[in-house]
Amino acid sequence: MVLKLSDPLLHLRTITANDEEILCQIYSSTRTEELAQLTDWTASQKEIFLRSQFTAQHNYYQNNYGGAHFWVIEYGSQTIGRLYLHTHYEGASMRIIDIALLPGWRNRGIGKQILLAIMELAEDTNRSVTIHVESFNRAMKLYKGLGFVLVSQTNGVYHLLEWKSNAHSFQENVLCKQQATNGSRTTTFNSL
C-alpha cells in the first residue's frame, strides 16, 4: 500500500528495530508540555518515565493492531515523524493509530499532506478514517478543518474523530434507506 504524497522528498518507510531510539524521541516530543508541569521530577526521572511509556505504547500497538502499517516519516533521508495506520480497521474504516512529527517539522503542512493522502486512499477504497485525539492537541484544528467530526468522547479528554468521503456517506445513506424499507424492497437514492 502506498500513500500518494505530493512532496517528492516526503516518504514513508516501514519501521525497523534500528528506529527505536528515534521513535522514542518522537514520542517524547509529544509529551513535553505535560511533563513541564511536573516540577518536582528531575530530568533523569522524566527521561526514564518517557522511555517506559514509549515502550509500553509501542508494544501495545504492535501487539494489538495486527495488519497495521508502522512507518517512520522521512524527509529526504532525515526521519521527522511516525505514522501508524490500520487500513482495514473494523470493516469499512481506516484508523490512524498515531501520527506525530518532531517539533521542528510541525506547522509546515506535512501533517496535512499526509492526512490528505490518507483521505484520498480512504475515498478510493470507500472507507472512512478515524483517529483518537486528545482535546487539547493543537492538531485538533487541522482535523476539524479537513472535515473530521466528533463521534464520541472518553473522560472528556480523548475525542474519537471520523472523516467520511461524500461517496462513503452516499453509500451509507443508501444502505440505511434499504434497511429501513426492507419489507417493501424499495431503494431510494438521495441526490448529492
C-alpha atoms as a PDB file:
ATOM      1  CA  MET A   1       0.000   0.000   0.000  1.00  0.00           C
ATOM      2  CA  VAL A   2       1.329   3.399  -0.964  1.00  0.00           C
ATOM      3  CA  LEU A   3       0.075   6.825   0.046  1.00  0.00           C
ATOM      4  CA  LYS A   4       0.260   9.419  -2.734  1.00  0.00           C
ATOM      5  CA  LEU A   5       2.302  12.221  -1.152  1.00  0.00           C
ATOM      6  CA  SER A   6       2.668  15.402  -3.194  1.00  0.00           C
ATOM      7  CA  ASP A   7       6.175  16.341  -1.986  1.00  0.00           C
ATOM      8  CA  PRO A   8       8.731  14.024  -3.659  1.00  0.00           C
ATOM      9  CA  LEU A   9      11.118  14.372  -0.690  1.00  0.00           C
ATOM     10  CA  LEU A  10       8.472  13.135   1.747  1.00  0.00           C
ATOM     11  CA  HIS A  11       8.109   9.384   2.061  1.00  0.00           C
ATOM     12  CA  LEU A  12       7.213   6.583   4.455  1.00  0.00           C
ATOM     13  CA  ARG A  13       9.436   3.684   5.439  1.00  0.00           C
ATOM     14  CA  THR A  14       8.452   0.626   7.458  1.00  0.00           C
ATOM     15  CA  ILE A  15       9.944   0.833  10.939  1.00  0.00           C
ATOM     16  CA  THR A  16      12.783  -1.477  11.959  1.00  0.00           C
ATOM     17  CA  ALA A  17      14.406  -2.315  15.293  1.00  0.00           C
ATOM     18  CA  ASN A  18      17.063   0.301  14.430  1.00  0.00           C
ATOM     19  CA  ASP A  19      14.388   3.031  14.616  1.00  0.00           C
ATOM     20  CA  GLU A  20      13.566   2.509  18.297  1.00  0.00           C
ATOM     21  CA  GLU A  21      15.628   5.456  19.557  1.00  0.00           C
ATOM     22  CA  ILE A  22      14.212   7.993  17.088  1.00  0.00           C
ATOM     23  CA  LEU A  23      10.694   6.640  17.660  1.00  0.00           C
ATOM     24  CA  CYS A  24      11.197   7.203  21.392  1.00  0.00           C
ATOM     25  CA  GLN A  25      12.362  10.765  20.676  1.00  0.00           C
ATOM     26  CA  ILE A  26       9.286  11.392  18.522  1.00  0.00           C
ATOM     27  CA  TYR A  27       7.010  10.036  21.260  1.00  0.00           C
ATOM     28  CA  SER A  28       8.795  12.075  23.942  1.00  0.00           C
ATOM     29  CA  SER A  29       8.421  15.262  21.895  1.00  0.00           C
ATOM     30  CA  THR A  30       4.636  14.868  22.074  1.00  0.00           C
ATOM     31  CA  ARG A  31       4.709  14.830  25.903  1.00  0.00           C
ATOM     32  CA  THR A  32       6.993  17.828  26.550  1.00  0.00           C
ATOM     33  CA  GLU A  33       4.224  20.206  27.637  1.00  0.00           C
ATOM     34  CA  GLU A  34       2.689  17.670  30.023  1.00  0.00           C
ATOM     35  CA  LEU A  35       5.984  16.847  31.685  1.00  0.00           C
ATOM     36  CA  ALA A  36       6.918  20.515  32.043  1.00  0.00           C
ATOM     37  CA  GLN A  37       4.174  20.681  34.684  1.00  0.00           C
ATOM     38  CA  LEU A  38       5.992  18.091  36.818  1.00  0.00           C
ATOM     39  CA  THR A  39       8.390  20.467  38.514  1.00  0.00           C
ATOM     40  CA  ASP A  40       9.360  18.003  41.234  1.00  0.00           C
ATOM     41  CA  TRP A  41      10.757  15.440  38.779  1.00  0.00           C
ATOM     42  CA  THR A  42      14.386  15.512  37.695  1.00  0.00           C
ATOM     43  CA  ALA A  43      15.338  15.370  34.020  1.00  0.00           C
ATOM     44  CA  SER A  44      16.520  11.804  34.577  1.00  0.00           C
ATOM     45  CA  GLN A  45      13.188  10.776  36.115  1.00  0.00           C
ATOM     46  CA  LYS A  46      11.310  12.300  33.194  1.00  0.00           C
ATOM     47  CA  GLU A  47      13.536  10.501  30.701  1.00  0.00           C
ATOM     48  CA  ILE A  48      13.038   7.140  32.431  1.00  0.00           C
ATOM     49  CA  PHE A  49       9.283   7.723  32.580  1.00  0.00           C
ATOM     50  CA  LEU A  50       9.072   8.690  28.891  1.00  0.00           C
ATOM     51  CA  ARG A  51      11.104   5.674  27.799  1.00  0.00           C
ATOM     52  CA  SER A  52       8.893   3.302  29.804  1.00  0.00           C
ATOM     53  CA  GLN A  53       5.725   4.937  28.429  1.00  0.00           C
ATOM     54  CA  PHE A  54       7.071   4.756  24.876  1.00  0.00           C
ATOM     55  CA  THR A  55       7.950   1.072  25.284  1.00  0.00           C
ATOM     56  CA  ALA A  56       4.512   0.257  26.712  1.00  0.00           C
ATOM     57  CA  GLN A  57       2.716   2.159  23.936  1.00  0.00           C
ATOM     58  CA  HIS A  58       4.926   0.759  21.176  1.00  0.00           C
ATOM     59  CA  ASN A  59       4.457  -2.826  22.374  1.00  0.00           C
ATOM     60  CA  TYR A  60       0.704  -2.315  22.748  1.00  0.00           C
ATOM     61  CA  TYR A  61       0.362  -1.002  19.201  1.00  0.00           C
ATOM     62  CA  GLN A  62       2.499  -3.799  17.749  1.00  0.00           C
ATOM     63  CA  ASN A  63       0.557  -6.496  19.631  1.00  0.00           C
ATOM     64  CA  ASN A  64      -2.977  -5.147  19.212  1.00  0.00           C
ATOM     65  CA  TYR A  65      -3.104  -3.762  15.681  1.00  0.00           C
ATOM     66  CA  GLY A  66      -2.280  -6.769  13.537  1.00  0.00           C
ATOM     67  CA  GLY A  67      -2.137  -5.899   9.860  1.00  0.00           C
ATOM     68  CA  ALA A  68      -1.426  -2.223  10.515  1.00  0.00           C
ATOM     69  CA  HIS A  69       1.334  -0.263   8.801  1.00  0.00           C
ATOM     70  CA  PHE A  70       4.006   1.152  11.116  1.00  0.00           C
ATOM     71  CA  TRP A  71       6.079   3.763   9.319  1.00  0.00           C
ATOM     72  CA  VAL A  72       8.652   6.417  10.031  1.00  0.00           C
ATOM     73  CA  ILE A  73       8.067   9.615   8.104  1.00  0.00           C
ATOM     74  CA  GLU A  74      11.172  10.776   6.279  1.00  0.00           C
ATOM     75  CA  TYR A  75      12.015  13.984   4.506  1.00  0.00           C
ATOM     76  CA  GLY A  76      14.900  13.200   2.209  1.00  0.00           C
ATOM     77  CA  SER A  77      16.979  10.890   4.372  1.00  0.00           C
ATOM     78  CA  GLN A  78      16.011  12.501   7.688  1.00  0.00           C
ATOM     79  CA  THR A  79      13.467  10.851   9.990  1.00  0.00           C
ATOM     80  CA  ILE A  80      10.950  13.505  11.025  1.00  0.00           C
ATOM     81  CA  GLY A  81       7.991  11.590  12.446  1.00  0.00           C
ATOM     82  CA  ARG A  82       5.923   8.449  12.619  1.00  0.00           C
ATOM     83  CA  LEU A  83       2.654   7.246  11.127  1.00  0.00           C
ATOM     84  CA  TYR A  84       0.836   4.147  12.311  1.00  0.00           C
ATOM     85  CA  LEU A  85      -2.140   3.340  10.080  1.00  0.00           C
ATOM     86  CA  HIS A  86      -4.574   0.433  10.024  1.00  0.00           C
ATOM     87  CA  THR A  87      -6.255   0.385   6.615  1.00  0.00           C
ATOM     88  CA  HIS A  88      -8.860  -2.292   7.427  1.00  0.00           C
ATOM     89  CA  TYR A  89      -9.924  -1.367  10.951  1.00  0.00           C
ATOM     90  CA  GLU A  90     -13.388  -2.610  11.926  1.00  0.00           C
ATOM     91  CA  GLY A  91     -14.683  -3.211   8.418  1.00  0.00           C
ATOM     92  CA  ALA A  92     -15.160  -0.047   6.393  1.00  0.00           C
ATOM     93  CA  SER A  93     -12.822   2.177   8.367  1.00  0.00           C
ATOM     94  CA  MET A  94      -9.188   3.190   8.312  1.00  0.00           C
ATOM     95  CA  ARG A  95      -7.734   4.025  11.746  1.00  0.00           C
ATOM     96  CA  ILE A  96      -4.891   6.460  12.210  1.00  0.00           C
ATOM     97  CA  ILE A  97      -3.379   4.808  15.260  1.00  0.00           C
ATOM     98  CA  ASP A  98      -0.803   7.547  15.642  1.00  0.00           C
ATOM     99  CA  ILE A  99       0.721  10.379  13.676  1.00  0.00           C
ATOM    100  CA  ALA A 100       3.444  12.581  15.145  1.00  0.00           C
ATOM    101  CA  LEU A 101       6.143  14.891  13.828  1.00  0.00           C
ATOM    102  CA  LEU A 102       9.246  16.177  15.571  1.00  0.00           C
ATOM    103  CA  PRO A 103       8.766  19.800  16.746  1.00  0.00           C
ATOM    104  CA  GLY A 104      10.933  21.372  14.033  1.00  0.00           C
ATOM    105  CA  TRP A 105       8.755  19.774  11.348  1.00  0.00           C
ATOM    106  CA  ARG A 106       5.352  20.775  12.700  1.00  0.00           C
ATOM    107  CA  ASN A 107       3.247  23.567  11.179  1.00  0.00           C
ATOM    108  CA  ARG A 108       4.837  23.141   7.740  1.00  0.00           C
ATOM    109  CA  GLY A 109       1.909  21.421   6.039  1.00  0.00           C
ATOM    110  CA  ILE A 110       3.488  17.961   6.276  1.00  0.00           C
ATOM    111  CA  GLY A 111       0.823  16.544   8.582  1.00  0.00           C
ATOM    112  CA  LYS A 112      -1.892  17.975   6.347  1.00  0.00           C
ATOM    113  CA  GLN A 113      -0.266  16.448   3.260  1.00  0.00           C
ATOM    114  CA  ILE A 114      -0.179  13.023   4.938  1.00  0.00           C
ATOM    115  CA  LEU A 115      -3.782  13.323   6.138  1.00  0.00           C
ATOM    116  CA  LEU A 116      -4.947  14.316   2.650  1.00  0.00           C
ATOM    117  CA  ALA A 117      -3.157  11.270   1.194  1.00  0.00           C
ATOM    118  CA  ILE A 118      -4.878   9.019   3.756  1.00  0.00           C
ATOM    119  CA  MET A 119      -8.230  10.625   2.950  1.00  0.00           C
ATOM    120  CA  GLU A 120      -7.638  10.101  -0.779  1.00  0.00           C
ATOM    121  CA  LEU A 121      -6.874   6.420  -0.192  1.00  0.00           C
ATOM    122  CA  ALA A 122      -9.973   6.136   2.003  1.00  0.00           C
ATOM    123  CA  GLU A 123     -12.116   7.699  -0.703  1.00  0.00           C
ATOM    124  CA  ASP A 124     -10.637   5.411  -3.382  1.00  0.00           C
ATOM    125  CA  THR A 125     -11.411   2.336  -1.228  1.00  0.00           C
ATOM    126  CA  ASN A 126     -14.752   3.627   0.108  1.00  0.00           C
ATOM    127  CA  ARG A 127     -13.636   3.770   3.736  1.00  0.00           C
ATOM    128  CA  SER A 128     -13.979   6.311   6.497  1.00  0.00           C
ATOM    129  CA  VAL A 129     -10.975   7.496   8.539  1.00  0.00           C
ATOM    130  CA  THR A 130     -10.955   7.589  12.344  1.00  0.00           C
ATOM    131  CA  ILE A 131      -8.466   8.857  14.906  1.00  0.00           C
ATOM    132  CA  HIS A 132      -8.407   9.419  18.664  1.00  0.00           C
ATOM    133  CA  VAL A 133      -7.163  12.920  19.540  1.00  0.00           C
ATOM    134  CA  GLU A 134      -6.683  14.499  22.948  1.00  0.00           C
ATOM    135  CA  SER A 135      -8.963  17.510  23.347  1.00  0.00           C
ATOM    136  CA  PHE A 136      -6.018  19.854  23.975  1.00  0.00           C
ATOM    137  CA  ASN A 137      -3.988  18.657  20.973  1.00  0.00           C
ATOM    138  CA  ARG A 138      -3.111  21.602  18.729  1.00  0.00           C
ATOM    139  CA  ALA A 139      -3.756  19.466  15.649  1.00  0.00           C
ATOM    140  CA  MET A 140      -7.474  19.334  16.525  1.00  0.00           C
ATOM    141  CA  LYS A 141      -7.983  22.485  14.426  1.00  0.00           C
ATOM    142  CA  LEU A 142      -6.373  20.764  11.422  1.00  0.00           C
ATOM    143  CA  TYR A 143      -8.563  17.671  11.738  1.00  0.00           C
ATOM    144  CA  LYS A 144     -11.750  19.705  12.016  1.00  0.00           C
ATOM    145  CA  GLY A 145     -10.675  21.924   9.111  1.00  0.00           C
ATOM    146  CA  LEU A 146     -10.305  18.807   6.956  1.00  0.00           C
ATOM    147  CA  GLY A 147     -13.829  17.675   7.794  1.00  0.00           C
ATOM    148  CA  PHE A 148     -13.278  15.280  10.691  1.00  0.00           C
ATOM    149  CA  VAL A 149     -16.228  15.309  13.093  1.00  0.00           C
ATOM    150  CA  LEU A 150     -16.565  14.291  16.726  1.00  0.00           C
ATOM    151  CA  VAL A 151     -18.048  10.806  17.140  1.00  0.00           C
ATOM    152  CA  SER A 152     -17.512  10.256  20.872  1.00  0.00           C
ATOM    153  CA  GLN A 153     -15.510  11.349  23.911  1.00  0.00           C
ATOM    154  CA  THR A 154     -13.824   9.406  26.688  1.00  0.00           C
ATOM    155  CA  ASN A 155     -13.284  11.126  30.035  1.00  0.00           C
ATOM    156  CA  GLY A 156     -13.749  14.479  28.300  1.00  0.00           C
ATOM    157  CA  VAL A 157     -10.154  14.229  27.073  1.00  0.00           C
ATOM    158  CA  TYR A 158      -9.995  11.661  24.278  1.00  0.00           C
ATOM    159  CA  HIS A 159     -12.058  12.526  21.223  1.00  0.00           C
ATOM    160  CA  LEU A 160     -12.823   9.976  18.541  1.00  0.00           C
ATOM    161  CA  LEU A 161     -12.954  11.855  15.242  1.00  0.00           C
ATOM    162  CA  GLU A 162     -14.150  10.496  11.912  1.00  0.00           C
ATOM    163  CA  TRP A 163     -13.898  11.637   8.315  1.00  0.00           C
ATOM    164  CA  LYS A 164     -16.184  10.292   5.595  1.00  0.00           C
ATOM    165  CA  SER A 165     -15.959  10.994   1.897  1.00  0.00           C
ATOM    166  CA  ASN A 166     -19.069  12.106   0.048  1.00  0.00           C
ATOM    167  CA  ALA A 167     -19.131   8.763  -1.780  1.00  0.00           C
ATOM    168  CA  HIS A 168     -18.902   6.870   1.524  1.00  0.00           C
ATOM    169  CA  SER A 169     -21.684   8.963   3.080  1.00  0.00           C
ATOM    170  CA  PHE A 170     -23.860   8.478  -0.016  1.00  0.00           C
ATOM    171  CA  GLN A 171     -23.425   4.705   0.005  1.00  0.00           C
ATOM    172  CA  GLU A 172     -24.085   4.576   3.767  1.00  0.00           C
ATOM    173  CA  ASN A 173     -27.269   6.623   3.256  1.00  0.00           C
ATOM    174  CA  VAL A 174     -28.468   4.212   0.553  1.00  0.00           C
ATOM    175  CA  LEU A 175     -27.776   1.229   2.807  1.00  0.00           C
ATOM    176  CA  CYS A 176     -29.773   2.808   5.654  1.00  0.00           C
ATOM    177  CA  LYS A 177     -32.692   3.514   3.293  1.00  0.00           C
ATOM    178  CA  GLN A 178     -32.556  -0.089   2.033  1.00  0.00           C
ATOM    179  CA  GLN A 179     -32.624  -1.435   5.581  1.00  0.00           C
ATOM    180  CA  ALA A 180     -35.461   0.906   6.577  1.00  0.00           C
ATOM    181  CA  THR A 181     -37.643  -0.183   3.650  1.00  0.00           C
ATOM    182  CA  ASN A 182     -36.557  -3.825   3.577  1.00  0.00           C
ATOM    183  CA  GLY A 183     -40.154  -5.066   3.855  1.00  0.00           C
ATOM    184  CA  SER A 184     -41.255  -3.330   0.655  1.00  0.00           C
ATOM    185  CA  ARG A 185     -37.957  -3.903  -1.195  1.00  0.00           C
ATOM    186  CA  THR A 186     -37.792  -0.210  -2.075  1.00  0.00           C
ATOM    187  CA  THR A 187     -34.482   1.529  -2.619  1.00  0.00           C
ATOM    188  CA  THR A 188     -34.309   5.312  -2.506  1.00  0.00           C
ATOM    189  CA  PHE A 189     -31.297   7.219  -3.795  1.00  0.00           C
ATOM    190  CA  ASN A 190     -30.778  10.729  -2.482  1.00  0.00           C
ATOM    191  CA  SER A 191     -29.033  13.180  -4.752  1.00  0.00           C
ATOM    192  CA  LEU A 192     -25.768  14.639  -3.547  1.00  0.00           C
END
